[in-house]
N, C-alpha and C. Protein backbone atom coordinates (compact mmCIF):
# COMPACT_ATOMS: atom_id res chain seq x y z
N MET A 1 -8.72 -16.67 -23.38
CA MET A 1 -9.07 -16.80 -22.14
C MET A 1 -7.43 -17.55 -21.35
N LYS A 2 -7.08 -18.70 -21.96
CA LYS A 2 -6.08 -19.29 -21.76
C LYS A 2 -4.37 -18.04 -21.43
N GLY A 3 -4.73 -17.25 -22.47
CA GLY A 3 -3.24 -16.60 -22.88
C GLY A 3 -3.76 -15.53 -21.55
N ASP A 4 -5.05 -15.02 -21.01
CA ASP A 4 -5.13 -14.36 -20.02
C ASP A 4 -4.85 -14.69 -18.73
N ARG A 5 -5.39 -16.06 -18.44
CA ARG A 5 -4.58 -17.05 -17.20
C ARG A 5 -3.25 -16.91 -17.10
N THR A 6 -2.63 -17.21 -18.13
CA THR A 6 -1.44 -16.86 -18.20
C THR A 6 -0.41 -15.93 -18.24
N ARG A 7 -0.99 -14.99 -18.10
CA ARG A 7 -0.50 -13.29 -18.27
C ARG A 7 -0.24 -13.23 -16.58
N GLN A 8 -1.79 -13.54 -15.98
CA GLN A 8 -1.77 -13.38 -15.10
C GLN A 8 -1.06 -14.38 -14.06
N THR A 9 -0.71 -15.11 -14.21
CA THR A 9 0.46 -16.10 -13.52
C THR A 9 1.75 -15.55 -13.78
N ILE A 10 2.20 -15.24 -14.86
CA ILE A 10 3.68 -14.42 -14.88
C ILE A 10 3.48 -13.13 -13.86
N LEU A 11 2.45 -12.21 -14.14
CA LEU A 11 2.24 -11.34 -13.28
C LEU A 11 2.39 -11.32 -11.58
N GLU A 12 1.85 -11.97 -11.14
CA GLU A 12 1.68 -12.52 -9.92
C GLU A 12 3.39 -13.27 -9.33
N ARG A 13 3.54 -13.66 -10.42
CA ARG A 13 5.38 -14.21 -9.78
C ARG A 13 5.93 -12.70 -9.51
N ALA A 14 5.46 -12.24 -10.88
CA ALA A 14 6.88 -10.60 -11.21
C ALA A 14 6.53 -9.44 -10.20
N VAL A 15 5.38 -9.90 -8.94
CA VAL A 15 5.23 -9.30 -8.20
C VAL A 15 5.65 -9.75 -6.98
N ASP A 16 5.72 -11.04 -6.70
CA ASP A 16 6.83 -11.45 -5.59
C ASP A 16 8.06 -11.00 -5.76
N ILE A 17 8.55 -11.23 -6.93
CA ILE A 17 9.84 -10.99 -7.52
C ILE A 17 10.43 -9.89 -7.39
N ALA A 18 9.32 -8.55 -7.74
CA ALA A 18 9.96 -7.49 -7.48
C ALA A 18 10.06 -7.28 -5.94
N SER A 19 8.79 -7.58 -5.42
CA SER A 19 8.78 -7.04 -4.09
C SER A 19 10.08 -7.75 -3.15
N LEU A 20 10.67 -8.17 -3.82
CA LEU A 20 12.13 -8.72 -3.28
C LEU A 20 13.43 -8.22 -3.74
N GLU A 21 13.42 -8.16 -4.77
CA GLU A 21 14.73 -7.92 -5.80
C GLU A 21 14.12 -6.43 -6.67
N GLY A 22 13.55 -5.82 -6.25
CA GLY A 22 13.07 -4.60 -6.60
C GLY A 22 12.41 -4.88 -8.05
N LEU A 23 11.76 -3.61 -8.94
CA LEU A 23 11.51 -3.77 -10.21
C LEU A 23 12.35 -3.73 -10.99
N GLU A 24 13.66 -3.00 -10.70
CA GLU A 24 14.83 -2.97 -12.05
C GLU A 24 15.05 -4.18 -11.93
N GLY A 25 15.20 -5.28 -10.77
CA GLY A 25 15.60 -6.79 -10.79
C GLY A 25 14.92 -7.87 -11.35
N LEU A 26 13.78 -6.94 -12.02
CA LEU A 26 12.86 -7.65 -12.83
C LEU A 26 13.16 -8.13 -14.13
N THR A 27 13.25 -8.72 -14.75
CA THR A 27 13.40 -9.15 -16.00
C THR A 27 12.90 -10.35 -16.48
N ILE A 28 12.64 -10.43 -18.34
CA ILE A 28 11.95 -11.40 -18.59
C ILE A 28 12.77 -12.57 -18.76
N GLY A 29 13.93 -12.57 -18.59
CA GLY A 29 14.71 -14.05 -18.83
C GLY A 29 14.68 -14.40 -17.39
N ARG A 30 14.97 -13.81 -16.19
CA ARG A 30 14.75 -14.04 -14.86
C ARG A 30 12.97 -14.98 -14.83
N LEU A 31 12.05 -13.86 -14.93
CA LEU A 31 11.16 -14.54 -14.89
C LEU A 31 10.86 -15.83 -15.98
N ALA A 32 11.16 -15.82 -17.10
CA ALA A 32 10.87 -17.31 -17.83
C ALA A 32 11.32 -18.22 -17.25
N ASP A 33 12.93 -18.24 -16.38
CA ASP A 33 13.70 -19.42 -15.63
C ASP A 33 12.65 -19.63 -14.76
N ASP A 34 12.20 -18.79 -14.04
CA ASP A 34 11.44 -19.18 -12.80
C ASP A 34 9.75 -19.59 -13.06
N LEU A 35 9.57 -19.40 -14.23
CA LEU A 35 8.18 -20.37 -14.63
C LEU A 35 8.51 -21.15 -15.99
N GLY A 36 9.73 -21.48 -15.97
CA GLY A 36 9.89 -22.28 -17.31
C GLY A 36 9.30 -22.64 -18.38
N MET A 37 9.52 -20.75 -18.92
CA MET A 37 8.95 -20.53 -20.11
C MET A 37 10.06 -19.97 -20.69
N SER A 38 9.69 -19.66 -22.34
CA SER A 38 10.38 -19.35 -23.16
C SER A 38 10.43 -17.77 -23.37
N LYS A 39 11.45 -17.30 -23.40
CA LYS A 39 11.89 -15.54 -23.67
C LYS A 39 10.65 -14.91 -24.51
N SER A 40 10.49 -16.06 -25.58
CA SER A 40 9.77 -15.60 -26.71
C SER A 40 8.33 -15.69 -26.43
N GLY A 41 8.17 -16.75 -25.53
CA GLY A 41 6.46 -16.55 -24.57
C GLY A 41 6.16 -15.39 -24.05
N LEU A 42 7.00 -15.21 -23.31
CA LEU A 42 7.09 -14.02 -22.47
C LEU A 42 6.89 -12.60 -23.25
N PHE A 43 7.76 -12.07 -24.22
CA PHE A 43 7.56 -11.68 -25.07
C PHE A 43 6.11 -11.47 -25.96
N ALA A 44 5.38 -12.44 -25.51
CA ALA A 44 4.26 -12.43 -26.56
C ALA A 44 3.25 -11.52 -25.42
N HIS A 45 3.34 -11.51 -24.15
CA HIS A 45 2.86 -10.91 -23.54
C HIS A 45 3.64 -9.53 -22.85
N PHE A 46 4.46 -9.07 -23.21
CA PHE A 46 5.30 -8.25 -22.43
C PHE A 46 6.27 -7.77 -23.75
N GLY A 47 6.11 -6.96 -24.80
CA GLY A 47 7.10 -6.67 -25.02
C GLY A 47 8.43 -5.83 -24.70
N SER A 48 8.76 -5.45 -23.53
CA SER A 48 9.54 -5.08 -22.67
C SER A 48 9.79 -4.35 -21.67
N LYS A 49 10.71 -4.79 -21.13
CA LYS A 49 11.01 -4.38 -19.42
C LYS A 49 10.07 -3.75 -18.87
N GLU A 50 10.31 -2.34 -19.44
CA GLU A 50 9.11 -1.26 -19.24
C GLU A 50 7.51 -1.86 -18.76
N GLU A 51 7.04 -2.45 -19.67
CA GLU A 51 6.10 -3.03 -19.94
C GLU A 51 5.38 -3.99 -18.81
N LEU A 52 6.61 -4.57 -18.63
CA LEU A 52 6.36 -5.88 -17.65
C LEU A 52 6.36 -4.75 -16.41
N GLN A 53 7.38 -4.05 -15.94
CA GLN A 53 7.13 -3.25 -14.68
C GLN A 53 5.74 -2.26 -15.07
N LEU A 54 5.25 -1.91 -15.74
CA LEU A 54 3.97 -0.78 -15.78
C LEU A 54 2.97 -2.17 -15.08
N ALA A 55 2.64 -3.15 -15.89
CA ALA A 55 2.20 -4.24 -15.47
C ALA A 55 1.70 -4.80 -14.13
N THR A 56 3.10 -5.35 -13.64
CA THR A 56 3.54 -5.39 -12.39
C THR A 56 2.65 -4.60 -11.39
N LEU A 57 3.06 -3.00 -11.45
CA LEU A 57 2.38 -2.41 -10.78
C LEU A 57 0.76 -2.44 -10.77
N GLU A 58 0.42 -2.29 -11.52
CA GLU A 58 -0.74 -2.69 -11.31
C GLU A 58 -1.30 -3.46 -10.74
N VAL A 59 -1.01 -4.72 -10.58
CA VAL A 59 -1.04 -6.11 -10.31
C VAL A 59 -1.18 -6.10 -8.83
N ALA A 60 0.09 -5.18 -8.15
CA ALA A 60 0.71 -5.11 -7.18
C ALA A 60 -0.33 -4.43 -6.70
N GLY A 61 -0.88 -3.44 -7.06
CA GLY A 61 -2.18 -2.52 -6.32
C GLY A 61 -3.41 -2.79 -6.52
N GLU A 62 -3.77 -4.26 -7.26
CA GLU A 62 -4.69 -4.94 -6.81
C GLU A 62 -4.50 -5.78 -5.65
N ARG A 63 -3.78 -6.12 -5.36
CA ARG A 63 -3.38 -6.70 -4.41
C ARG A 63 -3.42 -6.68 -3.16
N PHE A 64 -3.00 -5.18 -3.31
CA PHE A 64 -2.70 -4.01 -1.96
C PHE A 64 -4.19 -3.59 -1.46
N LEU A 65 -5.36 -3.11 -2.92
CA LEU A 65 -6.18 -2.60 -2.34
C LEU A 65 -6.92 -4.05 -1.43
N ASP A 66 -6.76 -5.53 -1.80
CA ASP A 66 -7.77 -5.96 -1.60
C ASP A 66 -7.28 -6.61 -0.35
N ALA A 67 -5.41 -6.45 -0.03
CA ALA A 67 -5.53 -6.25 1.48
C ALA A 67 -5.49 -5.40 2.48
N VAL A 68 -5.71 -4.41 1.75
CA VAL A 68 -5.85 -3.00 2.87
C VAL A 68 -7.26 -2.14 2.61
N LEU A 69 -7.50 -2.13 1.42
CA LEU A 69 -8.60 -0.54 1.46
C LEU A 69 -10.01 -1.28 1.21
N ARG A 70 -10.19 -1.88 0.58
CA ARG A 70 -11.69 -3.06 0.35
C ARG A 70 -12.13 -3.30 1.95
N PRO A 71 -11.74 -4.50 2.32
CA PRO A 71 -11.98 -4.61 3.75
C PRO A 71 -12.79 -3.89 4.23
N ALA A 72 -11.69 -2.56 4.63
CA ALA A 72 -12.01 -1.65 5.93
C ALA A 72 -13.04 -0.84 5.03
N LEU A 73 -13.48 -0.65 3.30
CA LEU A 73 -14.70 -0.16 3.52
C LEU A 73 -16.23 -0.32 4.06
N LYS A 74 -15.79 -1.82 4.22
CA LYS A 74 -17.06 -2.60 4.75
C LYS A 74 -17.50 -1.79 6.58
N GLU A 75 -16.49 -1.40 7.18
CA GLU A 75 -16.58 -0.67 8.37
C GLU A 75 -17.83 0.70 8.32
N PRO A 76 -18.05 1.07 9.63
CA PRO A 76 -19.13 2.36 9.42
C PRO A 76 -17.93 3.55 9.31
N ARG A 77 -18.53 4.21 8.11
CA ARG A 77 -18.11 5.72 7.60
C ARG A 77 -17.55 6.39 8.92
N GLY A 78 -16.49 6.86 8.61
CA GLY A 78 -16.00 7.72 9.86
C GLY A 78 -14.89 6.79 10.53
N TYR A 79 -14.59 7.23 12.25
CA TYR A 79 -13.62 6.99 12.59
C TYR A 79 -13.09 5.52 12.64
N PRO A 80 -14.49 4.55 12.77
CA PRO A 80 -14.20 3.30 12.72
C PRO A 80 -13.45 3.11 11.18
N ARG A 81 -14.13 3.39 10.21
CA ARG A 81 -13.17 3.05 9.30
C ARG A 81 -11.49 3.64 8.80
N LEU A 82 -11.48 4.52 9.36
CA LEU A 82 -10.25 5.01 9.18
C LEU A 82 -9.57 4.40 9.83
N MET A 83 -9.64 3.91 11.47
CA MET A 83 -8.88 2.95 12.00
C MET A 83 -8.83 1.53 11.44
N ALA A 84 -9.62 1.04 10.64
CA ALA A 84 -9.68 -0.03 9.77
C ALA A 84 -9.15 -0.12 8.98
N ILE A 85 -8.73 1.34 8.08
CA ILE A 85 -7.59 1.08 6.86
C ILE A 85 -6.14 1.57 7.75
N CYS A 86 -5.90 1.75 9.00
CA CYS A 86 -4.96 1.57 9.64
C CYS A 86 -4.62 0.43 9.91
N SER A 87 -5.60 -0.31 10.65
CA SER A 87 -5.42 -1.93 11.19
C SER A 87 -4.93 -2.44 10.38
N ALA A 88 -5.82 -2.59 8.98
CA ALA A 88 -5.38 -3.69 7.73
C ALA A 88 -3.89 -3.05 7.32
N TRP A 89 -3.76 -1.64 6.94
CA TRP A 89 -1.85 -1.95 6.47
C TRP A 89 -0.73 -2.46 7.30
N ILE A 90 -0.93 -2.61 8.98
CA ILE A 90 -0.20 -2.71 10.18
C ILE A 90 -0.53 -4.57 9.63
N ARG A 91 -1.63 -5.12 9.25
CA ARG A 91 -1.41 -6.78 9.36
C ARG A 91 -1.31 -7.02 8.10
N TYR A 92 -1.29 -6.08 6.59
CA TYR A 92 -1.00 -6.35 5.56
C TYR A 92 1.09 -6.32 5.54
N VAL A 93 1.62 -5.65 6.25
CA VAL A 93 3.05 -5.25 6.05
C VAL A 93 3.63 -6.50 7.08
N LYS A 94 2.97 -7.42 8.24
CA LYS A 94 2.83 -8.39 8.92
C LYS A 94 2.75 -9.18 8.10
N GLY A 95 1.33 -9.69 7.37
CA GLY A 95 1.54 -10.88 6.71
C GLY A 95 2.53 -11.14 5.46
N SER A 96 1.39 -11.71 4.61
CA SER A 96 2.23 -12.12 3.57
C SER A 96 1.87 -12.10 2.29
N VAL A 97 1.15 -10.29 2.31
CA VAL A 97 0.69 -10.16 1.35
C VAL A 97 1.80 -9.93 -0.54
N PHE A 98 2.98 -9.32 0.19
CA PHE A 98 3.89 -9.34 -0.40
C PHE A 98 5.45 -10.10 0.47
N PRO A 99 5.94 -10.64 -0.38
CA PRO A 99 7.28 -11.34 0.55
C PRO A 99 8.29 -10.49 1.07
N GLY A 100 8.42 -9.22 0.53
CA GLY A 100 9.76 -8.39 0.74
C GLY A 100 8.70 -6.90 1.82
N GLY A 101 7.57 -7.37 2.54
CA GLY A 101 6.86 -5.92 3.07
C GLY A 101 6.44 -5.58 2.27
N CYS A 102 6.13 -4.12 2.22
CA CYS A 102 5.39 -3.04 1.62
C CYS A 102 5.74 -2.93 0.12
N PHE A 103 5.13 -3.63 -0.65
CA PHE A 103 5.51 -3.45 -2.31
C PHE A 103 6.01 -1.87 -2.75
N PHE A 104 5.36 -0.91 -2.37
CA PHE A 104 5.09 0.34 -2.59
C PHE A 104 5.84 0.93 -1.78
N ALA A 105 6.42 1.09 -0.33
CA ALA A 105 7.39 1.61 -0.50
C ALA A 105 8.70 1.28 -0.36
N ALA A 106 8.94 0.04 -0.26
CA ALA A 106 10.61 -0.49 -1.39
C ALA A 106 10.40 0.08 -2.96
N ALA A 107 9.49 0.02 -3.63
CA ALA A 107 9.39 0.58 -5.16
C ALA A 107 9.57 2.25 -5.04
N SER A 108 8.81 2.80 -4.05
CA SER A 108 8.95 4.58 -3.72
C SER A 108 10.40 4.60 -3.66
N PHE A 109 10.90 4.39 -2.82
CA PHE A 109 12.29 4.64 -2.42
C PHE A 109 13.55 3.78 -3.83
N GLU A 110 13.30 3.02 -4.54
CA GLU A 110 13.81 2.31 -6.06
C GLU A 110 13.91 3.68 -6.84
N PHE A 111 12.45 4.19 -6.75
CA PHE A 111 12.23 5.19 -8.54
C PHE A 111 11.86 6.27 -8.09
N ASP A 112 12.15 6.78 -6.66
CA ASP A 112 11.86 8.41 -6.30
C ASP A 112 12.65 9.18 -7.24
N GLY A 113 14.28 8.78 -7.34
CA GLY A 113 15.09 9.85 -8.07
C GLY A 113 15.54 9.22 -9.82
N ARG A 114 14.24 8.20 -10.13
CA ARG A 114 14.54 8.18 -11.52
C ARG A 114 13.08 8.22 -12.92
N PRO A 115 13.70 9.79 -13.25
CA PRO A 115 12.36 10.14 -14.37
C PRO A 115 11.80 8.97 -15.00
N GLY A 116 10.88 9.26 -15.76
CA GLY A 116 10.36 7.67 -16.86
C GLY A 116 8.93 8.04 -16.20
N VAL A 117 8.47 6.89 -17.07
CA VAL A 117 6.86 6.20 -17.40
C VAL A 117 6.40 5.70 -15.59
N VAL A 118 7.91 4.64 -15.79
CA VAL A 118 7.30 3.77 -14.64
C VAL A 118 7.17 4.64 -13.19
N ARG A 119 8.18 5.34 -12.82
CA ARG A 119 7.95 6.58 -11.61
C ARG A 119 6.47 7.03 -11.42
N ASP A 120 6.25 7.63 -12.50
CA ASP A 120 5.14 8.50 -12.58
C ASP A 120 3.78 7.25 -12.49
N GLN A 121 3.85 6.26 -13.19
CA GLN A 121 2.47 5.11 -12.66
C GLN A 121 2.63 4.74 -10.85
N LEU A 122 4.14 5.33 -10.64
CA LEU A 122 4.19 4.58 -9.13
C LEU A 122 3.34 6.04 -8.52
N ALA A 123 3.88 6.82 -8.55
CA ALA A 123 3.53 8.38 -8.16
C ALA A 123 2.44 8.52 -7.70
N SER A 124 1.36 7.88 -9.32
CA SER A 124 0.24 7.93 -9.51
C SER A 124 -0.64 7.27 -8.41
N THR A 125 -0.02 5.93 -8.27
CA THR A 125 -0.78 5.11 -7.57
C THR A 125 -0.41 5.39 -5.51
N MET A 126 0.71 5.86 -5.80
CA MET A 126 0.84 6.61 -4.18
C MET A 126 0.03 7.64 -3.79
N GLY A 127 -0.57 8.84 -5.17
CA GLY A 127 -1.22 9.97 -4.95
C GLY A 127 -2.89 9.36 -4.72
N ASP A 128 -2.71 8.44 -4.84
CA ASP A 128 -4.28 7.82 -4.90
C ASP A 128 -4.28 6.94 -3.32
N TRP A 129 -3.53 6.42 -3.36
CA TRP A 129 -3.40 6.40 -1.60
C TRP A 129 -3.34 7.31 -0.23
N MET A 130 -2.83 8.31 -0.67
CA MET A 130 -2.58 9.86 0.06
C MET A 130 -4.11 10.05 0.44
N ALA A 131 -4.85 9.86 -1.49
CA ALA A 131 -5.66 10.76 -0.99
C ALA A 131 -6.95 9.45 -0.25
N ALA A 132 -6.53 8.44 -0.74
CA ALA A 132 -7.39 7.76 -0.01
C ALA A 132 -7.93 7.70 1.59
N ILE A 133 -6.22 8.44 2.40
CA ILE A 133 -6.28 8.37 3.37
C ILE A 133 -6.88 9.52 4.00
N GLU A 134 -6.60 10.54 3.12
CA GLU A 134 -7.35 11.78 3.25
C GLU A 134 -8.48 11.90 3.36
N LYS A 135 -9.23 11.12 2.45
CA LYS A 135 -10.92 10.94 2.41
C LYS A 135 -11.47 10.37 3.71
N ALA A 136 -10.44 9.41 3.74
CA ALA A 136 -11.26 8.67 4.94
C ALA A 136 -11.06 9.70 6.76
N VAL A 137 -10.03 10.72 6.07
CA VAL A 137 -9.86 11.93 7.44
C VAL A 137 -11.09 12.50 7.53
N THR A 138 -11.22 12.84 6.19
CA THR A 138 -12.38 13.86 5.96
C THR A 138 -13.94 13.60 6.13
N ILE A 139 -14.28 12.13 5.57
CA ILE A 139 -15.41 11.90 6.61
C ILE A 139 -15.27 11.58 7.99
N ALA A 140 -14.36 11.18 8.55
CA ALA A 140 -14.12 10.80 9.96
C ALA A 140 -14.49 12.21 10.33
N GLN A 141 -13.65 13.66 10.00
CA GLN A 141 -14.70 14.97 10.61
C GLN A 141 -15.91 14.91 9.71
N ASP A 142 -16.45 14.79 8.69
CA ASP A 142 -17.90 15.08 8.57
C ASP A 142 -18.90 14.47 9.38
N GLU A 143 -18.48 13.18 9.54
CA GLU A 143 -19.19 12.89 10.87
C GLU A 143 -19.08 12.69 12.22
N GLY A 144 -18.79 14.19 12.79
CA GLY A 144 -18.26 14.17 13.63
C GLY A 144 -17.63 13.78 14.69
N HIS A 145 -16.06 12.70 14.24
CA HIS A 145 -15.45 12.17 15.42
C HIS A 145 -14.15 12.72 15.03
N LEU A 146 -13.80 13.19 14.72
CA LEU A 146 -12.41 14.10 14.52
C LEU A 146 -12.79 15.32 14.09
N ASP A 147 -11.34 16.36 14.84
CA ASP A 147 -11.35 18.11 14.88
C ASP A 147 -11.79 18.14 13.62
N PRO A 148 -12.49 19.14 12.99
CA PRO A 148 -12.77 19.43 11.74
C PRO A 148 -12.32 20.50 11.28
N GLU A 149 -11.02 21.42 12.22
CA GLU A 149 -10.40 22.26 12.04
C GLU A 149 -8.70 21.82 11.32
N PHE A 150 -8.66 20.56 11.43
CA PHE A 150 -7.52 20.02 11.20
C PHE A 150 -7.09 19.44 9.80
N ASP A 151 -6.01 20.41 9.32
CA ASP A 151 -5.89 19.67 7.66
C ASP A 151 -5.44 18.46 7.26
N ALA A 152 -6.76 17.72 6.96
CA ALA A 152 -6.98 16.23 6.40
C ALA A 152 -5.93 15.51 5.60
N ALA A 153 -5.37 16.52 5.22
CA ALA A 153 -3.95 16.61 4.14
C ALA A 153 -3.01 16.25 4.97
N GLN A 154 -2.81 16.67 6.12
CA GLN A 154 -1.23 16.90 7.03
C GLN A 154 -1.58 15.71 7.97
N LEU A 155 -3.29 15.32 8.38
CA LEU A 155 -2.74 13.75 9.16
C LEU A 155 -3.45 13.15 8.25
N ALA A 156 -3.09 12.67 6.84
CA ALA A 156 -2.76 12.04 5.72
C ALA A 156 -1.30 11.98 5.88
N PHE A 157 -0.42 12.87 5.82
CA PHE A 157 0.83 12.73 5.71
C PHE A 157 1.56 11.97 6.59
N GLU A 158 0.91 12.52 7.82
CA GLU A 158 1.43 11.79 9.40
C GLU A 158 1.09 10.55 9.32
N ILE A 159 0.25 9.87 9.31
CA ILE A 159 0.06 8.61 8.95
C ILE A 159 0.21 8.06 8.18
N ASN A 160 0.65 8.04 6.99
CA ASN A 160 1.53 7.57 5.80
C ASN A 160 2.90 7.48 6.26
N SER A 161 3.71 8.73 6.99
CA SER A 161 4.98 8.66 7.82
C SER A 161 4.90 7.99 8.18
N ILE A 162 4.29 7.39 9.23
CA ILE A 162 4.29 6.31 10.45
C ILE A 162 4.39 4.75 9.53
N PHE A 163 3.27 4.36 8.79
CA PHE A 163 3.39 3.44 7.50
C PHE A 163 4.76 2.78 7.57
N PHE A 164 5.47 4.42 6.81
CA PHE A 164 6.45 3.86 5.91
C PHE A 164 7.42 3.53 7.19
N GLY A 165 7.41 4.48 8.15
CA GLY A 165 8.62 4.54 9.27
C GLY A 165 8.89 2.94 9.76
N ALA A 166 7.87 2.53 9.62
CA ALA A 166 7.28 0.82 10.45
C ALA A 166 7.79 0.21 9.66
N ASN A 167 7.41 0.25 8.61
CA ASN A 167 7.90 -0.71 7.18
C ASN A 167 9.49 -0.87 7.04
N PHE A 168 10.00 0.41 7.44
CA PHE A 168 11.57 0.51 7.42
C PHE A 168 12.10 -0.57 8.57
N SER A 169 11.44 -0.16 9.73
CA SER A 169 11.87 -0.98 11.19
C SER A 169 11.70 -2.37 11.17
N TYR A 170 10.63 -2.30 10.35
CA TYR A 170 10.64 -3.99 10.64
C TYR A 170 11.21 -4.98 9.35
N GLN A 171 11.00 -4.31 8.15
CA GLN A 171 12.18 -5.42 7.40
C GLN A 171 13.53 -4.98 7.14
N LEU A 172 13.82 -3.71 7.33
CA LEU A 172 15.10 -3.63 6.95
C LEU A 172 16.34 -3.77 8.28
N ARG A 173 15.73 -3.48 9.88
CA ARG A 173 16.37 -3.44 11.20
C ARG A 173 15.73 -4.89 11.68
N GLY A 174 14.51 -5.42 11.05
CA GLY A 174 14.35 -6.47 11.72
C GLY A 174 13.69 -6.27 12.71
N ASP A 175 13.09 -5.02 13.59
CA ASP A 175 12.70 -4.59 14.51
C ASP A 175 11.13 -5.32 14.87
N ARG A 176 10.66 -6.44 15.18
CA ARG A 176 9.60 -7.30 15.48
C ARG A 176 8.88 -5.79 16.66
N LYS A 177 9.54 -4.98 17.04
CA LYS A 177 8.19 -4.01 17.53
C LYS A 177 7.49 -2.96 16.85
N ALA A 178 8.52 -2.88 16.13
CA ALA A 178 7.90 -1.67 15.04
C ALA A 178 6.66 -1.52 14.74
N LEU A 179 5.76 -2.78 14.63
CA LEU A 179 4.65 -2.56 13.96
C LEU A 179 3.55 -2.05 15.42
N THR A 180 4.02 -2.61 16.06
CA THR A 180 3.16 -2.42 17.41
C THR A 180 3.13 -0.43 17.92
N GLN A 181 4.51 -0.08 17.97
CA GLN A 181 4.82 1.10 17.91
C GLN A 181 4.25 2.01 16.68
N ALA A 182 3.96 1.69 15.53
CA ALA A 182 3.36 2.26 14.68
C ALA A 182 2.02 2.01 15.14
N THR A 183 0.95 1.42 15.20
CA THR A 183 -0.17 0.95 15.84
C THR A 183 -0.54 1.98 17.41
N THR A 184 0.68 2.08 17.91
CA THR A 184 0.32 3.36 19.66
C THR A 184 0.27 4.64 18.63
N ALA A 185 1.36 4.74 17.91
CA ALA A 185 1.59 5.85 17.66
C ALA A 185 0.34 6.56 16.55
N ILE A 186 -0.05 6.05 15.88
CA ILE A 186 -1.76 6.16 15.39
C ILE A 186 -2.72 6.29 16.00
N GLU A 187 -2.69 5.52 17.04
CA GLU A 187 -4.18 5.84 18.04
C GLU A 187 -4.25 7.08 18.60
N HIS A 188 -2.57 7.45 19.58
CA HIS A 188 -2.39 8.49 19.92
C HIS A 188 -2.63 9.77 19.54
N ARG A 189 -2.36 9.60 18.11
CA ARG A 189 -2.45 10.93 16.81
C ARG A 189 -3.84 11.23 16.63
N LEU A 190 -4.91 10.01 16.69
CA LEU A 190 -5.74 10.20 16.46
C LEU A 190 -6.75 10.40 17.66
N GLU A 191 -6.30 10.18 18.41
CA GLU A 191 -7.07 10.10 19.62
C GLU A 191 -7.39 11.65 20.18
N ALA A 192 -5.70 12.32 20.36
CA ALA A 192 -5.72 13.46 20.41
C ALA A 192 -6.58 14.32 19.39
N LEU A 193 -6.85 14.26 18.59
CA LEU A 193 -7.74 15.17 17.30
C LEU A 193 -9.38 14.22 17.57
N ARG A 194 -9.74 13.29 18.45
CA ARG A 194 -11.22 12.80 18.25
C ARG A 194 -11.76 13.78 18.91
N ILE A 195 -13.50 13.85 18.84
CA ILE A 195 -14.13 14.21 19.31
C ILE A 195 -14.85 13.18 20.62
N LYS A 196 -14.79 14.11 22.02
CA LYS A 196 -15.02 12.96 22.56
C LYS A 196 -16.71 13.28 22.73
N PRO A 197 -18.06 12.48 22.71
CA PRO A 197 -19.00 12.19 22.65
C PRO A 197 -19.45 13.17 24.24
N ARG A 198 -20.22 14.13 24.02
CA ARG A 198 -20.71 15.08 25.54
C ARG A 198 -21.43 13.97 25.94
N ALA A 199 -21.01 14.09 27.45
CA ALA A 199 -22.14 13.17 28.41
C ALA A 199 -23.36 14.04 28.61
N ARG A 200 -24.31 13.51 28.76
CA ARG A 200 -25.84 13.73 28.90
C ARG A 200 -26.13 14.48 30.37
N ARG A 201 -26.73 15.19 30.67
CA ARG A 201 -26.97 15.79 32.14
C ARG A 201 -28.38 15.16 32.49
N ALA A 202 -27.60 14.66 33.76
CA ALA A 202 -29.42 13.78 34.65
C ALA A 202 -30.11 14.95 34.58
N GLY A 203 -31.17 14.48 34.89
CA GLY A 203 -32.65 15.43 34.45
C GLY A 203 -32.92 16.03 33.65
């Protein structure tokens, strides 16, 4: 169990470093210096830089789920849950889940042109995220909250594009209005597809 705790401590620090400096900036030597450990001690947990990067992606994914998806699942099915996911993502970027902003937006730009197992795992993780948004949209359609004729995959793409654009403006350009603008954009897009309850006729 001590070994598991040590590994978790290493990976939590690795996630923070990778968030700020990228997964390629993550090395066993850098981690050893930061944590006051020997390189040989770290090699006992991770035999290579690639193995370290893959494990870091897994821990980052769990941190993201805890901040964004899992809390939103407590909300009622349909439109409230979809909006909860979007609101949680905005809070996630604005908060301190990752010191460098959205970990997966940064990693996506870093690895989109690099073939290999790290890119493959990252693509799989992002695929799961897109599928989660699409599922939330589909449930909202099934519940009668959103236009059922609209392509759920298209809406998921649009929502994620707003997320990534907001993260870029907020982190790189220092635009403090970016997250508010993203919230407005999402609300307007979803409101345009929302099915309004019919008013009951008197008598």
